[in-house]
Amino acid sequence: MSRILFLLDIELDNPKRGTPLHICATFREFKKEHTLYVCAASVAQEFQREFIAYPRVRGFLKLRALRRIVAQYNITHVYTVSQSGLFAPVILKYLCGVKIAVELHGVNYDELYAAKWIGILRYYYMKYKVWALLHLYDTVFVMSTRLRDRYLPMSKHWTLVRGGVDMSEVVAAPEGPVAGEFII
């Protein structure tokens, strides 16, 4: 049984929005087979027992606080989502020897550039920074092949997950529907 630490400075106390709803569903699945700890800004009521407040300090103080959390709870895996917050798990991987995983469900730098919130230089800086950091992750979960293809070619193992289902575990359906069976 693994001891998983979800790590990202986001608010999860309103699971009616899309991303927190998806993350909370992932937490429920993790809790079935693993010990889960959630280090975030806030959590939904059902995860209060697993909640660890995200450190509000910055820089080396934050890394020291995160390292202390990993040691105190004997964490074996650190899990995060999206492109923000990719650096801290990488540092924890090398400081503490934990496995790290990230779930990607968007391309942040493309969205920021399309909205004209960043310029072309910042766009390329973010793109190559994310590309470099993703190479250091043990597992990368993506929601679709199209999303996977939006990132630069990767040499690491990527797991395709659609709607919370690992596609490598899905059994191929027969060509014609069988009476009485419901196939998604």
N, C-alpha and C. Protein backbone atom coordinates (compact mmCIF):
# COMPACT_ATOMS: atom_id res chain seq x y z
N MET A 1 0.84 -1.17 0.00
CA MET A 1 0.00 0.00 0.00
C MET A 1 0.90 1.24 0.00
N SER A 2 0.66 2.12 -0.94
CA SER A 2 1.43 3.35 -1.06
C SER A 2 0.84 4.44 -0.19
N ARG A 3 1.69 5.39 0.17
CA ARG A 3 1.26 6.57 0.92
C ARG A 3 1.43 7.75 -0.03
N ILE A 4 0.29 8.26 -0.53
CA ILE A 4 0.28 9.27 -1.58
C ILE A 4 0.02 10.64 -0.98
N LEU A 5 0.82 11.61 -1.40
CA LEU A 5 0.63 13.00 -1.02
C LEU A 5 0.21 13.78 -2.26
N PHE A 6 -1.01 14.30 -2.24
CA PHE A 6 -1.43 15.21 -3.31
C PHE A 6 -0.87 16.57 -2.95
N LEU A 7 -0.21 17.21 -3.89
CA LEU A 7 0.49 18.46 -3.60
C LEU A 7 0.17 19.51 -4.66
N LEU A 8 -0.59 20.51 -4.28
CA LEU A 8 -0.84 21.65 -5.15
C LEU A 8 -1.60 22.71 -4.36
N ASP A 9 -1.21 23.95 -4.54
CA ASP A 9 -1.81 25.05 -3.80
C ASP A 9 -3.09 25.52 -4.49
N ILE A 10 -4.14 24.70 -4.40
CA ILE A 10 -5.44 25.09 -4.95
C ILE A 10 -6.51 24.83 -3.90
N GLU A 11 -7.64 25.46 -4.09
CA GLU A 11 -8.77 25.27 -3.17
C GLU A 11 -9.65 24.16 -3.69
N LEU A 12 -9.90 23.18 -2.86
CA LEU A 12 -10.72 22.04 -3.24
C LEU A 12 -12.00 21.96 -2.41
N ASP A 13 -12.30 23.04 -1.69
CA ASP A 13 -13.47 23.00 -0.81
C ASP A 13 -14.78 23.23 -1.55
N ASN A 14 -14.74 23.53 -2.84
CA ASN A 14 -15.96 23.70 -3.62
C ASN A 14 -15.97 22.67 -4.74
N PRO A 15 -16.34 21.42 -4.44
CA PRO A 15 -16.27 20.38 -5.46
C PRO A 15 -17.38 20.46 -6.49
N LYS A 16 -18.01 21.61 -6.67
CA LYS A 16 -19.03 21.77 -7.71
C LYS A 16 -18.41 22.30 -8.99
N ARG A 17 -17.17 22.82 -8.90
CA ARG A 17 -16.47 23.27 -10.11
C ARG A 17 -15.77 22.08 -10.74
N GLY A 18 -15.42 22.19 -12.02
CA GLY A 18 -14.88 21.08 -12.80
C GLY A 18 -13.62 20.44 -12.25
N THR A 19 -12.53 21.21 -12.12
CA THR A 19 -11.26 20.62 -11.69
C THR A 19 -11.34 20.06 -10.27
N PRO A 20 -11.85 20.81 -9.28
CA PRO A 20 -11.95 20.19 -7.94
C PRO A 20 -12.83 18.95 -7.91
N LEU A 21 -13.88 18.94 -8.71
CA LEU A 21 -14.75 17.77 -8.77
C LEU A 21 -13.99 16.56 -9.29
N HIS A 22 -13.22 16.75 -10.33
CA HIS A 22 -12.42 15.67 -10.91
C HIS A 22 -11.34 15.20 -9.93
N ILE A 23 -10.68 16.15 -9.27
CA ILE A 23 -9.62 15.79 -8.32
C ILE A 23 -10.20 15.04 -7.13
N CYS A 24 -11.34 15.46 -6.62
CA CYS A 24 -11.97 14.76 -5.49
C CYS A 24 -12.37 13.34 -5.89
N ALA A 25 -12.82 13.14 -7.11
CA ALA A 25 -13.15 11.79 -7.58
C ALA A 25 -11.89 10.94 -7.63
N THR A 26 -10.78 11.53 -8.06
CA THR A 26 -9.50 10.81 -8.07
C THR A 26 -9.09 10.44 -6.65
N PHE A 27 -9.29 11.34 -5.70
CA PHE A 27 -8.97 11.05 -4.29
C PHE A 27 -9.76 9.84 -3.79
N ARG A 28 -11.04 9.78 -4.13
CA ARG A 28 -11.87 8.66 -3.68
C ARG A 28 -11.32 7.34 -4.21
N GLU A 29 -10.85 7.35 -5.45
CA GLU A 29 -10.26 6.13 -6.03
C GLU A 29 -8.95 5.78 -5.32
N PHE A 30 -8.12 6.77 -5.04
CA PHE A 30 -6.85 6.52 -4.34
C PHE A 30 -7.11 5.91 -2.97
N LYS A 31 -8.11 6.42 -2.28
CA LYS A 31 -8.38 5.96 -0.91
C LYS A 31 -8.80 4.50 -0.84
N LYS A 32 -9.25 3.94 -1.95
CA LYS A 32 -9.68 2.54 -1.95
C LYS A 32 -8.51 1.60 -1.72
N GLU A 33 -7.33 1.95 -2.22
CA GLU A 33 -6.19 1.05 -2.13
C GLU A 33 -4.95 1.65 -1.50
N HIS A 34 -4.95 2.94 -1.23
CA HIS A 34 -3.75 3.60 -0.73
C HIS A 34 -4.11 4.53 0.44
N THR A 35 -3.07 4.94 1.15
CA THR A 35 -3.24 5.96 2.17
C THR A 35 -3.01 7.31 1.49
N LEU A 36 -3.95 8.22 1.65
CA LEU A 36 -3.92 9.50 0.95
C LEU A 36 -3.79 10.65 1.93
N TYR A 37 -2.95 11.62 1.58
CA TYR A 37 -2.85 12.88 2.29
C TYR A 37 -2.99 13.98 1.25
N VAL A 38 -3.72 15.03 1.60
CA VAL A 38 -3.99 16.12 0.66
C VAL A 38 -3.36 17.40 1.20
N CYS A 39 -2.36 17.90 0.51
CA CYS A 39 -1.70 19.14 0.88
C CYS A 39 -2.14 20.19 -0.13
N ALA A 40 -3.15 20.97 0.24
CA ALA A 40 -3.74 21.97 -0.65
C ALA A 40 -4.14 23.18 0.18
N ALA A 41 -4.69 24.20 -0.49
CA ALA A 41 -5.14 25.39 0.23
C ALA A 41 -6.36 25.07 1.08
N SER A 42 -7.27 24.26 0.57
CA SER A 42 -8.46 23.84 1.31
C SER A 42 -8.99 22.56 0.68
N VAL A 43 -9.82 21.83 1.42
CA VAL A 43 -10.39 20.59 0.91
C VAL A 43 -11.88 20.53 1.22
N ALA A 44 -12.57 19.64 0.53
CA ALA A 44 -13.97 19.38 0.81
C ALA A 44 -14.08 18.70 2.17
N GLN A 45 -15.24 18.77 2.76
CA GLN A 45 -15.47 18.23 4.11
C GLN A 45 -15.09 16.76 4.23
N GLU A 46 -15.33 15.97 3.18
CA GLU A 46 -15.06 14.54 3.26
C GLU A 46 -13.58 14.19 3.35
N PHE A 47 -12.69 15.16 3.05
CA PHE A 47 -11.25 14.91 3.10
C PHE A 47 -10.56 15.65 4.25
N GLN A 48 -11.30 16.09 5.23
CA GLN A 48 -10.71 16.82 6.35
C GLN A 48 -9.71 15.98 7.13
N ARG A 49 -9.95 14.68 7.25
CA ARG A 49 -9.03 13.82 8.00
C ARG A 49 -7.68 13.69 7.30
N GLU A 50 -7.66 13.80 5.97
CA GLU A 50 -6.43 13.65 5.18
C GLU A 50 -5.76 14.99 4.89
N PHE A 51 -6.34 16.09 5.35
CA PHE A 51 -5.90 17.43 4.96
C PHE A 51 -4.63 17.86 5.70
N ILE A 52 -3.69 18.41 4.93
CA ILE A 52 -2.49 19.06 5.45
C ILE A 52 -2.44 20.43 4.78
N ALA A 53 -2.37 21.49 5.55
CA ALA A 53 -2.36 22.83 4.97
C ALA A 53 -1.11 23.05 4.13
N TYR A 54 -1.30 23.61 2.94
CA TYR A 54 -0.19 23.89 2.05
C TYR A 54 0.67 25.00 2.66
N PRO A 55 1.98 24.85 2.70
CA PRO A 55 2.84 25.87 3.32
C PRO A 55 2.71 27.21 2.60
N ARG A 56 2.50 28.26 3.35
CA ARG A 56 2.33 29.61 2.79
C ARG A 56 3.65 30.34 2.60
N VAL A 57 4.75 29.73 2.97
CA VAL A 57 6.06 30.35 2.80
C VAL A 57 6.55 30.09 1.38
N ARG A 58 7.65 30.73 1.00
CA ARG A 58 8.17 30.58 -0.36
C ARG A 58 9.62 30.11 -0.33
N GLY A 59 10.10 29.66 -1.49
CA GLY A 59 11.51 29.31 -1.66
C GLY A 59 11.95 28.12 -0.82
N PHE A 60 13.13 28.28 -0.20
CA PHE A 60 13.72 27.19 0.57
C PHE A 60 12.88 26.84 1.81
N LEU A 61 12.19 27.82 2.38
CA LEU A 61 11.34 27.53 3.53
C LEU A 61 10.20 26.60 3.13
N LYS A 62 9.64 26.82 1.94
CA LYS A 62 8.58 25.94 1.46
C LYS A 62 9.12 24.53 1.21
N LEU A 63 10.28 24.43 0.58
CA LEU A 63 10.85 23.11 0.34
C LEU A 63 11.16 22.38 1.64
N ARG A 64 11.64 23.10 2.62
CA ARG A 64 11.91 22.48 3.92
C ARG A 64 10.61 21.99 4.57
N ALA A 65 9.55 22.81 4.47
CA ALA A 65 8.25 22.41 5.03
C ALA A 65 7.70 21.18 4.30
N LEU A 66 7.81 21.15 2.98
CA LEU A 66 7.33 20.00 2.20
C LEU A 66 8.15 18.75 2.50
N ARG A 67 9.44 18.92 2.67
CA ARG A 67 10.30 17.79 3.00
C ARG A 67 9.94 17.22 4.38
N ARG A 68 9.62 18.11 5.30
CA ARG A 68 9.20 17.68 6.64
C ARG A 68 7.87 16.91 6.57
N ILE A 69 6.94 17.37 5.73
CA ILE A 69 5.66 16.67 5.56
C ILE A 69 5.89 15.27 5.00
N VAL A 70 6.74 15.15 3.98
CA VAL A 70 7.04 13.85 3.37
C VAL A 70 7.66 12.91 4.41
N ALA A 71 8.58 13.42 5.21
CA ALA A 71 9.22 12.58 6.22
C ALA A 71 8.25 12.22 7.35
N GLN A 72 7.46 13.18 7.81
CA GLN A 72 6.54 12.96 8.93
C GLN A 72 5.48 11.91 8.61
N TYR A 73 4.95 11.93 7.40
CA TYR A 73 3.87 11.01 7.01
C TYR A 73 4.39 9.80 6.23
N ASN A 74 5.70 9.68 6.09
CA ASN A 74 6.33 8.56 5.41
C ASN A 74 5.76 8.37 4.00
N ILE A 75 5.73 9.43 3.22
CA ILE A 75 5.15 9.47 1.88
C ILE A 75 6.02 8.68 0.91
N THR A 76 5.37 7.89 0.05
CA THR A 76 6.09 7.14 -0.98
C THR A 76 5.89 7.73 -2.38
N HIS A 77 4.75 8.40 -2.60
CA HIS A 77 4.42 8.96 -3.91
C HIS A 77 3.87 10.38 -3.75
N VAL A 78 4.27 11.27 -4.63
CA VAL A 78 3.73 12.63 -4.66
C VAL A 78 3.00 12.79 -5.98
N TYR A 79 1.75 13.25 -5.90
CA TYR A 79 0.88 13.38 -7.06
C TYR A 79 0.44 14.83 -7.18
N THR A 80 0.43 15.36 -8.39
CA THR A 80 -0.03 16.72 -8.63
C THR A 80 -0.79 16.75 -9.95
N VAL A 81 -1.47 17.87 -10.21
CA VAL A 81 -2.21 18.04 -11.46
C VAL A 81 -1.84 19.36 -12.10
N SER A 82 -2.00 19.43 -13.39
CA SER A 82 -1.79 20.61 -14.23
C SER A 82 -0.31 20.96 -14.34
N GLN A 83 -0.03 22.10 -14.98
CA GLN A 83 1.35 22.50 -15.21
C GLN A 83 1.89 23.40 -14.11
N SER A 84 1.04 23.94 -13.29
CA SER A 84 1.54 24.77 -12.20
C SER A 84 1.96 23.87 -11.05
N GLY A 85 3.04 24.18 -10.45
CA GLY A 85 3.52 23.38 -9.34
C GLY A 85 4.27 22.13 -9.75
N LEU A 86 4.92 22.13 -10.89
CA LEU A 86 5.69 20.97 -11.33
C LEU A 86 7.05 20.88 -10.66
N PHE A 87 7.60 21.99 -10.23
CA PHE A 87 8.97 22.02 -9.74
C PHE A 87 9.13 21.40 -8.35
N ALA A 88 8.21 21.69 -7.42
CA ALA A 88 8.33 21.19 -6.05
C ALA A 88 8.37 19.66 -5.99
N PRO A 89 7.49 18.93 -6.69
CA PRO A 89 7.60 17.47 -6.65
C PRO A 89 8.93 16.95 -7.20
N VAL A 90 9.48 17.62 -8.21
CA VAL A 90 10.77 17.20 -8.76
C VAL A 90 11.87 17.33 -7.69
N ILE A 91 11.87 18.43 -6.96
CA ILE A 91 12.85 18.61 -5.89
C ILE A 91 12.65 17.54 -4.81
N LEU A 92 11.38 17.25 -4.46
CA LEU A 92 11.11 16.23 -3.45
C LEU A 92 11.57 14.84 -3.92
N LYS A 93 11.47 14.60 -5.22
CA LYS A 93 11.92 13.32 -5.76
C LYS A 93 13.40 13.10 -5.43
N TYR A 94 14.19 14.13 -5.61
CA TYR A 94 15.63 13.97 -5.41
C TYR A 94 16.03 14.15 -3.94
N LEU A 95 15.30 14.95 -3.18
CA LEU A 95 15.62 15.12 -1.77
C LEU A 95 15.15 13.94 -0.91
N CYS A 96 13.97 13.41 -1.24
CA CYS A 96 13.35 12.41 -0.37
C CYS A 96 13.23 11.02 -0.99
N GLY A 97 13.49 10.90 -2.28
CA GLY A 97 13.41 9.60 -2.92
C GLY A 97 12.00 9.10 -3.18
N VAL A 98 11.03 9.99 -3.32
CA VAL A 98 9.66 9.59 -3.60
C VAL A 98 9.45 9.47 -5.10
N LYS A 99 8.45 8.71 -5.50
CA LYS A 99 8.02 8.65 -6.89
C LYS A 99 7.07 9.82 -7.13
N ILE A 100 7.11 10.41 -8.32
CA ILE A 100 6.25 11.55 -8.60
C ILE A 100 5.42 11.30 -9.85
N ALA A 101 4.18 11.80 -9.82
CA ALA A 101 3.26 11.65 -10.94
C ALA A 101 2.50 12.96 -11.12
N VAL A 102 2.13 13.23 -12.35
CA VAL A 102 1.36 14.44 -12.67
C VAL A 102 0.24 14.04 -13.62
N GLU A 103 -0.89 14.70 -13.47
CA GLU A 103 -2.01 14.52 -14.38
C GLU A 103 -2.20 15.82 -15.14
N LEU A 104 -2.17 15.73 -16.45
CA LEU A 104 -2.34 16.91 -17.30
C LEU A 104 -3.71 16.87 -17.96
N HIS A 105 -4.46 17.95 -17.81
CA HIS A 105 -5.75 18.02 -18.48
C HIS A 105 -5.93 19.35 -19.21
N GLY A 106 -4.81 19.91 -19.64
CA GLY A 106 -4.83 21.14 -20.42
C GLY A 106 -3.41 21.55 -20.76
N VAL A 107 -3.30 22.57 -21.60
CA VAL A 107 -1.99 23.11 -21.96
C VAL A 107 -2.01 24.58 -21.56
N ASN A 108 -1.52 24.85 -20.38
CA ASN A 108 -1.61 26.17 -19.77
C ASN A 108 -0.97 27.26 -20.62
N TYR A 109 0.23 27.02 -21.12
CA TYR A 109 0.92 28.07 -21.86
C TYR A 109 0.20 28.41 -23.16
N ASP A 110 -0.44 27.44 -23.79
CA ASP A 110 -1.24 27.73 -24.99
C ASP A 110 -2.45 28.60 -24.66
N GLU A 111 -3.10 28.29 -23.54
CA GLU A 111 -4.27 29.06 -23.12
C GLU A 111 -3.89 30.49 -22.77
N LEU A 112 -2.79 30.68 -22.06
CA LEU A 112 -2.35 32.02 -21.68
C LEU A 112 -1.94 32.84 -22.90
N TYR A 113 -1.29 32.20 -23.85
CA TYR A 113 -0.86 32.90 -25.07
C TYR A 113 -2.07 33.26 -25.94
N ALA A 114 -3.02 32.35 -26.06
CA ALA A 114 -4.22 32.61 -26.86
C ALA A 114 -5.04 33.76 -26.27
N ALA A 115 -5.04 33.87 -24.94
CA ALA A 115 -5.77 34.95 -24.28
C ALA A 115 -4.97 36.25 -24.26
N LYS A 116 -3.75 36.22 -24.81
CA LYS A 116 -2.85 37.37 -24.87
C LYS A 116 -2.45 37.88 -23.48
N TRP A 117 -2.33 36.94 -22.53
CA TRP A 117 -1.86 37.29 -21.18
C TRP A 117 -0.35 37.17 -21.09
N ILE A 118 0.28 36.47 -22.04
CA ILE A 118 1.73 36.38 -22.10
C ILE A 118 2.18 36.61 -23.53
N GLY A 119 3.42 37.04 -23.68
CA GLY A 119 4.00 37.26 -25.01
C GLY A 119 4.66 36.01 -25.54
N ILE A 120 5.23 36.13 -26.72
CA ILE A 120 5.83 34.98 -27.39
C ILE A 120 7.06 34.45 -26.65
N LEU A 121 7.87 35.33 -26.07
CA LEU A 121 9.05 34.87 -25.33
C LEU A 121 8.65 34.09 -24.08
N ARG A 122 7.69 34.61 -23.35
CA ARG A 122 7.20 33.91 -22.14
C ARG A 122 6.56 32.58 -22.53
N TYR A 123 5.85 32.55 -23.65
CA TYR A 123 5.23 31.33 -24.16
C TYR A 123 6.28 30.23 -24.36
N TYR A 124 7.36 30.55 -25.08
CA TYR A 124 8.39 29.56 -25.34
C TYR A 124 9.15 29.18 -24.07
N TYR A 125 9.36 30.14 -23.18
CA TYR A 125 10.00 29.84 -21.90
C TYR A 125 9.17 28.81 -21.13
N MET A 126 7.85 29.06 -21.02
CA MET A 126 6.97 28.14 -20.29
C MET A 126 6.91 26.77 -20.97
N LYS A 127 6.84 26.77 -22.28
CA LYS A 127 6.72 25.52 -23.03
C LYS A 127 7.93 24.61 -22.78
N TYR A 128 9.13 25.18 -22.88
CA TYR A 128 10.32 24.36 -22.71
C TYR A 128 10.60 24.04 -21.24
N LYS A 129 10.19 24.89 -20.34
CA LYS A 129 10.33 24.60 -18.91
C LYS A 129 9.45 23.41 -18.53
N VAL A 130 8.19 23.43 -18.99
CA VAL A 130 7.28 22.31 -18.73
C VAL A 130 7.82 21.04 -19.37
N TRP A 131 8.29 21.12 -20.60
CA TRP A 131 8.85 19.97 -21.29
C TRP A 131 10.02 19.37 -20.51
N ALA A 132 10.91 20.21 -20.02
CA ALA A 132 12.07 19.73 -19.27
C ALA A 132 11.64 19.09 -17.95
N LEU A 133 10.70 19.70 -17.24
CA LEU A 133 10.26 19.15 -15.95
C LEU A 133 9.51 17.83 -16.12
N LEU A 134 8.70 17.72 -17.18
CA LEU A 134 7.94 16.48 -17.38
C LEU A 134 8.84 15.29 -17.63
N HIS A 135 10.02 15.51 -18.15
CA HIS A 135 10.97 14.41 -18.35
C HIS A 135 11.44 13.81 -17.02
N LEU A 136 11.33 14.55 -15.96
CA LEU A 136 11.80 14.09 -14.66
C LEU A 136 10.73 13.33 -13.87
N TYR A 137 9.48 13.34 -14.36
CA TYR A 137 8.39 12.66 -13.66
C TYR A 137 8.40 11.17 -13.97
N ASP A 138 8.04 10.38 -12.96
CA ASP A 138 7.99 8.93 -13.13
C ASP A 138 6.79 8.52 -13.97
N THR A 139 5.65 9.18 -13.77
CA THR A 139 4.43 8.86 -14.51
C THR A 139 3.73 10.16 -14.88
N VAL A 140 3.25 10.23 -16.12
CA VAL A 140 2.47 11.36 -16.59
C VAL A 140 1.14 10.82 -17.10
N PHE A 141 0.04 11.30 -16.52
CA PHE A 141 -1.29 10.91 -16.96
C PHE A 141 -1.83 12.01 -17.86
N VAL A 142 -2.35 11.65 -19.02
CA VAL A 142 -2.98 12.63 -19.92
C VAL A 142 -4.38 12.14 -20.25
N MET A 143 -5.25 13.09 -20.57
CA MET A 143 -6.66 12.78 -20.79
C MET A 143 -6.99 12.33 -22.21
N SER A 144 -6.13 12.60 -23.17
CA SER A 144 -6.42 12.21 -24.55
C SER A 144 -5.12 12.17 -25.35
N THR A 145 -5.18 11.47 -26.48
CA THR A 145 -4.01 11.44 -27.36
C THR A 145 -3.77 12.82 -27.96
N ARG A 146 -4.83 13.55 -28.20
CA ARG A 146 -4.68 14.91 -28.75
C ARG A 146 -3.94 15.80 -27.76
N LEU A 147 -4.29 15.69 -26.49
CA LEU A 147 -3.59 16.48 -25.47
C LEU A 147 -2.13 16.04 -25.38
N ARG A 148 -1.90 14.75 -25.41
CA ARG A 148 -0.52 14.24 -25.37
C ARG A 148 0.30 14.80 -26.52
N ASP A 149 -0.30 14.89 -27.68
CA ASP A 149 0.41 15.36 -28.87
C ASP A 149 0.65 16.87 -28.85
N ARG A 150 -0.02 17.61 -27.97
CA ARG A 150 0.21 19.05 -27.84
C ARG A 150 1.53 19.36 -27.16
N TYR A 151 2.06 18.40 -26.42
CA TYR A 151 3.34 18.58 -25.77
C TYR A 151 4.44 18.14 -26.72
N LEU A 152 5.62 18.62 -26.50
CA LEU A 152 6.75 18.19 -27.32
C LEU A 152 6.97 16.69 -27.14
N PRO A 153 7.60 16.03 -28.10
CA PRO A 153 7.81 14.58 -27.97
C PRO A 153 8.48 14.24 -26.63
N MET A 154 7.94 13.24 -25.99
CA MET A 154 8.42 12.86 -24.67
C MET A 154 8.98 11.44 -24.73
N SER A 155 10.03 11.21 -23.97
CA SER A 155 10.64 9.88 -23.93
C SER A 155 10.14 9.08 -22.73
N LYS A 156 9.47 9.72 -21.78
CA LYS A 156 9.00 9.04 -20.58
C LYS A 156 7.70 8.29 -20.87
N HIS A 157 7.35 7.44 -19.94
CA HIS A 157 6.11 6.67 -20.04
C HIS A 157 4.91 7.57 -19.72
N TRP A 158 4.00 7.68 -20.65
CA TRP A 158 2.78 8.45 -20.45
C TRP A 158 1.62 7.47 -20.40
N THR A 159 0.72 7.65 -19.45
CA THR A 159 -0.45 6.80 -19.32
C THR A 159 -1.66 7.58 -19.80
N LEU A 160 -2.36 7.03 -20.76
CA LEU A 160 -3.55 7.67 -21.30
C LEU A 160 -4.74 7.32 -20.42
N VAL A 161 -5.38 8.34 -19.85
CA VAL A 161 -6.51 8.16 -18.96
C VAL A 161 -7.66 8.98 -19.51
N ARG A 162 -8.77 8.33 -19.78
CA ARG A 162 -9.95 9.05 -20.27
C ARG A 162 -11.05 8.92 -19.24
N GLY A 163 -11.49 10.05 -18.75
CA GLY A 163 -12.59 10.03 -17.80
C GLY A 163 -12.30 9.23 -16.56
N GLY A 164 -11.04 9.20 -16.14
CA GLY A 164 -10.69 8.48 -14.93
C GLY A 164 -10.44 7.00 -15.15
N VAL A 165 -10.38 6.54 -16.41
CA VAL A 165 -10.17 5.13 -16.72
C VAL A 165 -8.84 4.97 -17.42
N ASP A 166 -8.00 4.09 -16.91
CA ASP A 166 -6.73 3.79 -17.56
C ASP A 166 -7.03 2.98 -18.81
N MET A 167 -6.70 3.53 -19.98
CA MET A 167 -7.06 2.90 -21.24
C MET A 167 -6.34 1.58 -21.47
N SER A 168 -5.24 1.34 -20.79
CA SER A 168 -4.54 0.06 -20.96
C SER A 168 -5.28 -1.07 -20.25
N GLU A 169 -6.21 -0.74 -19.36
CA GLU A 169 -6.96 -1.75 -18.64
C GLU A 169 -8.34 -2.02 -19.24
N VAL A 170 -8.69 -1.30 -20.29
CA VAL A 170 -10.01 -1.47 -20.91
C VAL A 170 -9.97 -2.64 -21.87
N VAL A 171 -10.93 -3.52 -21.75
CA VAL A 171 -11.03 -4.67 -22.63
C VAL A 171 -11.77 -4.25 -23.89
N ALA A 172 -11.26 -4.66 -25.04
CA ALA A 172 -11.90 -4.32 -26.32
C ALA A 172 -13.30 -4.91 -26.37
N ALA A 173 -14.26 -4.11 -26.83
CA ALA A 173 -15.64 -4.56 -26.94
C ALA A 173 -15.84 -5.34 -28.24
N PRO A 174 -16.76 -6.30 -28.25
CA PRO A 174 -17.03 -7.02 -29.50
C PRO A 174 -17.65 -6.09 -30.53
N GLU A 175 -17.55 -6.47 -31.80
CA GLU A 175 -18.06 -5.62 -32.89
C GLU A 175 -19.55 -5.35 -32.75
N GLY A 176 -20.33 -6.39 -32.64
CA GLY A 176 -21.79 -6.20 -32.54
C GLY A 176 -22.24 -6.24 -31.11
N PRO A 177 -23.20 -5.39 -30.74
CA PRO A 177 -23.67 -5.41 -29.35
C PRO A 177 -24.38 -6.73 -29.02
N VAL A 178 -24.15 -7.23 -27.84
CA VAL A 178 -24.77 -8.44 -27.37
C VAL A 178 -26.00 -8.05 -26.57
N ALA A 179 -27.11 -8.72 -26.78
CA ALA A 179 -28.34 -8.39 -26.07
C ALA A 179 -28.13 -8.48 -24.57
N GLY A 180 -28.58 -7.47 -23.86
CA GLY A 180 -28.48 -7.46 -22.40
C GLY A 180 -27.18 -6.90 -21.87
N GLU A 181 -26.23 -6.52 -22.73
CA GLU A 181 -24.97 -5.94 -22.28
C GLU A 181 -24.93 -4.46 -22.61
N PHE A 182 -24.41 -3.69 -21.71
CA PHE A 182 -24.26 -2.27 -21.90
C PHE A 182 -22.77 -1.95 -21.96
N ILE A 183 -22.30 -1.47 -23.09
CA ILE A 183 -20.86 -1.23 -23.29
C ILE A 183 -20.65 0.26 -23.50
N ILE A 184 -19.72 0.82 -22.74
CA ILE A 184 -19.38 2.22 -22.90
C ILE A 184 -18.10 2.32 -23.69
